Amino acid sequence: MANLRDIRDRISSVKSTQQITKAMKMVAAARLRKAQERIMSTRPFVTGLERVIAKLTTSGETSNKYMVTKEVQERVLVITIGSDRGLCGGFNSNLFRFLTDSFVKMFPGFKESGNLSLITVGRKSHDYFRKRGFNVVDYNNGFFDKLSYENTIEIMEDAAKRFLNGDFDAVYIGYNEFKTVLSQNRILKKVLPVEFEASNNETSVKNEIDYIFEPNPSAILEDIIPLHLNMQLWRAVLESNAAEQGARMAAMDNATENAKEIIRALNLQYNQARQAAITTELSEIVSGAEALKG
């Protein structure tokens, strides 16, 4: 039977851990509320930009350096977005597994030949892919400690510059999209070259008014596509941040409930040990009394 003092110490330790997990759950809940507000206000703007670009590309002859598509993708750059901290369940591991499997299917042999490069956002993303031998050309640890649009723009502008210089044939973003507190959609999305599905363009052409663009669609695209690219990464960052807070809130809630179960089991074990000790003491007293009578 375990020592009573050891059981009391363990109960105290689990209660302290429970207080920490409960506090972390409350902090994550507060951050999640703010993150949801930011992503809900960003989604319509990003969608609106996509519609505008789709209209411009179907309005006539338009050409743009960001839309140049090569028949064969030989070199690919992926911006992977993880978290800086752990204690968020399978938030990171599920995404990284999904991305690794997607790389094998979409870019077979690219990793081994050095044609697959990564820009990592978040310490967990950097640590995971660096340890597995991926070519990490840039990393952004501590990114979510000072989350800002300006820092996001720097990453996207660097990726776009590498694309325009011919260093890469395509640029993708891999991230967790916020769905609910308990679930996320894992996304690997191409952002460069900029392209839209033909079906969407055809539908928009049928339903829209014949606009006159000034100065012309090509000039407008020259200004609006960089904004579109920045907003694509900004949305991905905000989606990932909201999904991380939701995952951490759920993980800490589970940890708090598990701590309750452990405390309940330890209290039962403590009571059993205490009862056994009392019974032993009573037996010794009775035996001693009997021996004195004899």
Protein backbone atom coordinates (compact mmCIF):
# COMPACT_ATOMS: atom_id res chain seq x y z
CA MET A 1 0.00 0.00 0.00
CA ALA A 2 1.37 3.44 -0.94
CA ASN A 3 2.56 5.79 1.76
CA LEU A 4 -0.10 8.32 2.83
CA ARG A 5 2.31 11.23 2.52
CA ASP A 6 3.22 10.21 -1.05
CA ILE A 7 -0.45 10.09 -2.04
CA ARG A 8 -1.12 13.50 -0.43
CA ASP A 9 1.86 14.99 -2.30
CA ARG A 10 0.62 13.58 -5.59
CA ILE A 11 -2.90 14.92 -5.00
CA SER A 12 -1.44 18.34 -4.29
CA SER A 13 0.69 18.16 -7.44
CA VAL A 14 -2.26 17.19 -9.65
CA LYS A 15 -4.38 19.98 -8.17
CA SER A 16 -1.65 22.50 -9.00
CA THR A 17 -1.51 21.19 -12.56
CA GLN A 18 -5.29 21.41 -12.77
CA GLN A 19 -5.20 25.07 -11.79
CA ILE A 20 -2.63 25.74 -14.53
CA THR A 21 -4.63 23.95 -17.23
CA LYS A 22 -7.81 25.74 -16.15
CA ALA A 23 -6.06 29.11 -16.36
CA MET A 24 -4.60 28.26 -19.79
CA LYS A 25 -8.07 27.27 -20.99
CA MET A 26 -9.47 30.64 -19.92
CA VAL A 27 -6.62 32.54 -21.58
CA ALA A 28 -7.07 30.53 -24.81
CA ALA A 29 -10.82 31.22 -24.75
CA ALA A 30 -10.22 34.97 -24.47
CA ARG A 31 -7.66 34.91 -27.28
CA LEU A 32 -9.93 32.75 -29.42
CA ARG A 33 -12.71 35.31 -29.20
CA LYS A 34 -10.42 38.05 -30.50
CA ALA A 35 -8.94 35.79 -33.16
CA GLN A 36 -12.42 34.85 -34.41
CA GLU A 37 -13.40 38.49 -34.71
CA ARG A 38 -10.29 39.24 -36.77
CA ILE A 39 -10.72 36.30 -39.12
CA MET A 40 -14.45 36.92 -39.62
CA SER A 41 -13.73 40.51 -40.63
CA THR A 42 -10.88 39.44 -42.97
CA ARG A 43 -12.62 36.65 -44.89
CA PRO A 44 -15.10 38.92 -46.80
CA PHE A 45 -12.29 41.28 -47.85
CA VAL A 46 -10.14 38.42 -49.19
CA THR A 47 -13.12 36.93 -51.03
CA GLY A 48 -13.97 40.33 -52.51
CA LEU A 49 -10.42 40.76 -53.81
CA GLU A 50 -10.60 37.37 -55.49
CA ARG A 51 -13.85 38.35 -57.22
CA VAL A 52 -12.36 41.61 -58.45
CA ILE A 53 -9.29 39.88 -59.89
CA ALA A 54 -11.51 37.24 -61.51
CA LYS A 55 -13.53 40.01 -63.20
CA LEU A 56 -10.38 41.76 -64.39
CA THR A 57 -8.90 38.61 -65.87
CA THR A 58 -12.08 37.88 -67.86
CA SER A 59 -12.65 41.45 -69.05
CA GLY A 60 -10.25 41.23 -71.99
CA GLU A 61 -6.59 40.78 -72.82
CA THR A 62 -4.70 40.92 -69.54
CA SER A 63 -1.18 39.83 -68.76
CA ASN A 64 0.67 40.00 -65.47
CA LYS A 65 4.02 38.77 -64.25
CA TYR A 66 2.36 37.10 -61.25
CA MET A 67 0.20 34.97 -63.57
CA VAL A 68 2.95 33.40 -65.64
CA THR A 69 2.45 29.65 -65.42
CA LYS A 70 5.02 27.07 -66.43
CA GLU A 71 3.91 23.78 -67.89
CA VAL A 72 6.12 21.82 -65.51
CA GLN A 73 6.80 22.80 -61.89
CA GLU A 74 10.45 22.01 -61.23
CA ARG A 75 11.05 24.09 -58.10
CA VAL A 76 8.44 24.73 -55.44
CA LEU A 77 8.35 26.96 -52.36
CA VAL A 78 5.91 26.24 -49.52
CA ILE A 79 5.14 28.60 -46.62
CA THR A 80 4.24 26.36 -43.68
CA ILE A 81 2.38 27.90 -40.74
CA GLY A 82 2.54 26.17 -37.35
CA SER A 83 2.58 27.53 -33.81
CA ASP A 84 5.29 28.87 -31.52
CA ARG A 85 4.05 26.99 -28.46
CA GLY A 86 2.79 23.51 -27.72
CA LEU A 87 0.01 22.25 -25.43
CA CYS A 88 -2.52 22.47 -28.25
CA GLY A 89 -3.31 18.81 -28.89
CA GLY A 90 -2.74 17.54 -32.41
CA PHE A 91 -2.83 21.02 -33.96
CA ASN A 92 0.74 20.90 -35.25
CA SER A 93 1.31 17.17 -35.68
CA ASN A 94 -1.84 16.65 -37.77
CA LEU A 95 -0.95 19.55 -40.09
CA PHE A 96 2.68 18.51 -40.51
CA ARG A 97 1.68 14.92 -41.27
CA PHE A 98 -0.83 16.17 -43.84
CA LEU A 99 1.78 18.42 -45.49
CA THR A 100 4.43 15.68 -45.55
CA ASP A 101 2.00 13.25 -47.20
CA SER A 102 0.90 15.95 -49.67
CA PHE A 103 4.53 16.69 -50.61
CA VAL A 104 5.08 13.02 -51.45
CA LYS A 105 1.96 12.88 -53.65
CA MET A 106 2.18 16.29 -55.34
CA PHE A 107 5.96 16.73 -55.59
CA PRO A 108 7.48 13.24 -55.80
CA GLY A 109 11.26 13.33 -55.51
CA PHE A 110 11.40 17.11 -54.98
CA LYS A 111 12.70 16.83 -51.42
CA GLU A 112 15.51 14.46 -52.34
CA SER A 113 16.56 16.58 -55.34
CA GLY A 114 16.45 19.84 -53.35
CA ASN A 115 13.65 21.30 -55.48
CA LEU A 116 11.25 21.61 -52.54
CA SER A 117 12.00 24.56 -50.26
CA LEU A 118 10.17 25.84 -47.19
CA ILE A 119 9.64 29.11 -45.39
CA THR A 120 8.46 28.22 -41.90
CA VAL A 121 6.25 30.37 -39.68
CA GLY A 122 6.23 29.38 -36.01
CA ARG A 123 8.86 27.58 -33.95
CA LYS A 124 7.11 24.19 -34.11
CA SER A 125 7.02 24.27 -37.90
CA HIS A 126 10.71 25.12 -38.13
CA ASP A 127 11.77 22.43 -35.65
CA TYR A 128 9.67 19.71 -37.32
CA PHE A 129 10.80 20.21 -40.91
CA ARG A 130 14.42 21.05 -40.13
CA LYS A 131 14.86 17.82 -38.14
CA ARG A 132 13.45 15.82 -41.07
CA GLY A 133 15.91 17.16 -43.60
CA PHE A 134 13.73 19.61 -45.53
CA ASN A 135 15.38 22.59 -47.21
CA VAL A 136 14.29 25.50 -44.98
CA VAL A 137 15.35 28.71 -46.75
CA ASP A 138 13.92 31.03 -44.09
CA TYR A 139 12.21 30.71 -40.72
CA ASN A 140 10.13 32.98 -38.48
CA ASN A 141 10.29 31.77 -34.88
CA GLY A 142 8.31 33.77 -32.32
CA PHE A 143 6.10 35.10 -35.11
CA PHE A 144 2.84 34.83 -33.14
CA ASP A 145 4.32 36.63 -30.13
CA LYS A 146 4.21 39.81 -32.21
CA LEU A 147 1.57 38.97 -34.80
CA SER A 148 1.20 41.87 -37.23
CA TYR A 149 0.27 42.56 -40.83
CA GLU A 150 3.62 44.24 -41.47
CA ASN A 151 5.60 41.12 -40.53
CA THR A 152 3.31 39.02 -42.71
CA ILE A 153 3.87 41.30 -45.70
CA GLU A 154 7.65 40.86 -45.39
CA ILE A 155 7.31 37.07 -45.71
CA MET A 156 4.97 37.26 -48.70
CA GLU A 157 7.03 39.91 -50.48
CA ASP A 158 10.14 37.76 -50.07
CA ALA A 159 8.33 34.72 -51.51
CA ALA A 160 6.93 36.77 -54.42
CA LYS A 161 10.38 38.19 -55.17
CA ARG A 162 11.86 34.68 -55.33
CA PHE A 163 9.05 33.69 -57.71
CA LEU A 164 9.59 36.67 -60.01
CA ASN A 165 13.35 36.09 -60.03
CA GLY A 166 12.75 32.57 -61.30
CA ASP A 167 14.02 30.84 -58.18
CA PHE A 168 10.71 28.95 -57.92
CA ASP A 169 7.98 27.97 -60.34
CA ALA A 170 5.17 27.97 -57.76
CA VAL A 171 4.47 29.12 -54.20
CA TYR A 172 2.08 27.35 -51.83
CA ILE A 173 0.79 28.04 -48.30
CA GLY A 174 0.16 25.19 -45.84
CA TYR A 175 -1.90 25.97 -42.75
CA ASN A 176 -4.79 25.04 -40.46
CA GLU A 177 -8.06 26.75 -41.39
CA PHE A 178 -10.34 27.51 -38.45
CA LYS A 179 -13.58 25.55 -38.64
CA THR A 180 -14.80 25.07 -35.08
CA VAL A 181 -13.18 24.99 -31.66
CA LEU A 182 -12.79 21.22 -31.95
CA SER A 183 -11.79 20.88 -35.60
CA GLN A 184 -9.64 22.47 -38.30
CA ASN A 185 -9.34 22.09 -42.05
CA ARG A 186 -5.79 21.38 -43.20
CA ILE A 187 -5.03 23.39 -46.33
CA LEU A 188 -2.24 23.36 -48.94
CA LYS A 189 -3.07 26.19 -51.33
CA LYS A 190 -1.26 27.54 -54.38
CA VAL A 191 -0.91 31.34 -54.34
CA LEU A 192 1.64 31.83 -57.13
CA PRO A 193 1.19 31.90 -60.02
CA VAL A 194 -2.16 33.61 -59.47
CA GLU A 195 -4.89 31.65 -61.17
CA PHE A 196 -8.63 31.12 -60.92
CA GLU A 197 -10.82 28.23 -61.99
CA ALA A 198 -12.41 28.66 -65.39
CA SER A 199 -15.85 27.72 -64.07
CA ASN A 200 -15.80 30.59 -61.59
CA ASN A 201 -14.73 33.06 -64.28
CA GLU A 202 -17.42 31.87 -66.71
CA THR A 203 -20.13 32.23 -64.09
CA SER A 204 -18.99 35.72 -63.16
CA VAL A 205 -18.90 36.79 -66.82
CA LYS A 206 -22.51 35.72 -67.32
CA ASN A 207 -23.82 37.46 -64.23
CA GLU A 208 -21.83 40.69 -64.14
CA ILE A 209 -22.29 44.08 -65.81
CA ASP A 210 -19.91 45.03 -68.63
CA TYR A 211 -17.65 47.38 -66.65
CA ILE A 212 -15.27 49.93 -68.12
CA PHE A 213 -11.95 49.83 -66.28
CA GLU A 214 -9.66 52.85 -65.98
CA PRO A 215 -6.87 53.02 -66.84
CA ASN A 216 -7.08 49.36 -68.00
CA PRO A 217 -7.35 45.87 -66.47
CA SER A 218 -3.61 45.16 -66.79
CA ALA A 219 -2.64 48.31 -64.90
CA ILE A 220 -5.16 47.61 -62.16
CA LEU A 221 -3.92 44.04 -61.80
CA GLU A 222 -0.37 45.34 -61.44
CA ASP A 223 -1.44 47.18 -58.27
CA ILE A 224 -4.06 44.83 -56.86
CA ILE A 225 -2.31 41.44 -57.15
CA PRO A 226 0.44 42.25 -54.60
CA LEU A 227 -2.33 43.24 -52.17
CA HIS A 228 -4.14 40.00 -52.98
CA LEU A 229 -1.01 37.96 -52.22
CA ASN A 230 -0.44 39.77 -48.93
CA MET A 231 -4.02 39.19 -47.90
CA GLN A 232 -3.82 35.50 -48.79
CA LEU A 233 -0.96 35.00 -46.33
CA TRP A 234 -2.52 37.33 -43.75
CA ARG A 235 -5.74 35.34 -43.84
CA ALA A 236 -3.80 32.07 -43.51
CA VAL A 237 -1.94 33.44 -40.49
CA LEU A 238 -5.17 34.59 -38.83
CA GLU A 239 -6.90 31.28 -39.60
CA SER A 240 -3.98 29.39 -38.07
CA ASN A 241 -3.96 31.62 -35.00
CA ALA A 242 -7.69 31.13 -34.38
CA ALA A 243 -7.38 27.37 -34.96
CA GLU A 244 -4.43 27.19 -32.54
CA GLN A 245 -6.34 28.95 -29.76
CA GLY A 246 -9.34 26.70 -30.31
CA ALA A 247 -7.16 23.58 -30.22
CA ARG A 248 -5.39 24.77 -27.06
CA MET A 249 -8.70 25.57 -25.38
CA ALA A 250 -10.00 22.07 -26.15
CA ALA A 251 -6.74 20.42 -25.06
CA MET A 252 -6.64 22.30 -21.75
CA ASP A 253 -10.30 21.49 -21.11
CA ASN A 254 -9.54 17.79 -21.61
CA ALA A 255 -6.50 18.07 -19.37
CA THR A 256 -8.57 19.71 -16.63
CA GLU A 257 -11.20 16.96 -16.82
CA ASN A 258 -8.50 14.28 -16.75
CA ALA A 259 -7.00 15.93 -13.67
CA LYS A 260 -10.39 15.68 -11.95
CA GLU A 261 -10.50 11.95 -12.66
CA ILE A 262 -6.96 11.47 -11.36
CA ILE A 263 -7.74 13.40 -8.17
CA ARG A 264 -10.89 11.34 -7.65
CA ALA A 265 -8.92 8.09 -8.03
CA LEU A 266 -6.14 9.33 -5.74
CA ASN A 267 -8.63 10.36 -3.06
CA LEU A 268 -10.13 6.87 -3.18
CA GLN A 269 -6.66 5.36 -2.94
CA TYR A 270 -5.80 7.69 -0.05
CA ASN A 271 -8.97 6.77 1.85
CA GLN A 272 -8.30 3.07 1.34
CA ALA A 273 -4.72 3.44 2.55
CA ARG A 274 -5.83 5.51 5.54
CA GLN A 275 -8.50 2.97 6.46
CA ALA A 276 -5.98 0.16 6.16
CA ALA A 277 -3.57 2.04 8.44
CA ILE A 278 -6.30 2.64 11.04
CA THR A 279 -7.35 -1.02 10.91
CA THR A 280 -3.73 -2.09 11.39
CA GLU A 281 -3.31 0.22 14.38
CA LEU A 282 -6.53 -1.05 15.97
CA SER A 283 -5.43 -4.65 15.46
CA GLU A 284 -2.08 -3.90 17.10
CA ILE A 285 -3.81 -2.22 20.07
CA VAL A 286 -6.21 -5.13 20.53
CA SER A 287 -3.37 -7.65 20.22
CA GLY A 288 -1.34 -5.71 22.81
CA ALA A 289 -4.25 -5.55 25.20
CA GLU A 290 -4.87 -9.28 24.86
CA ALA A 291 -1.18 -9.97 25.49
CA LEU A 292 -1.25 -7.87 28.69
CA LYS A 293 -4.27 -9.79 29.94
CA GLY A 294 -2.49 -13.07 29.30
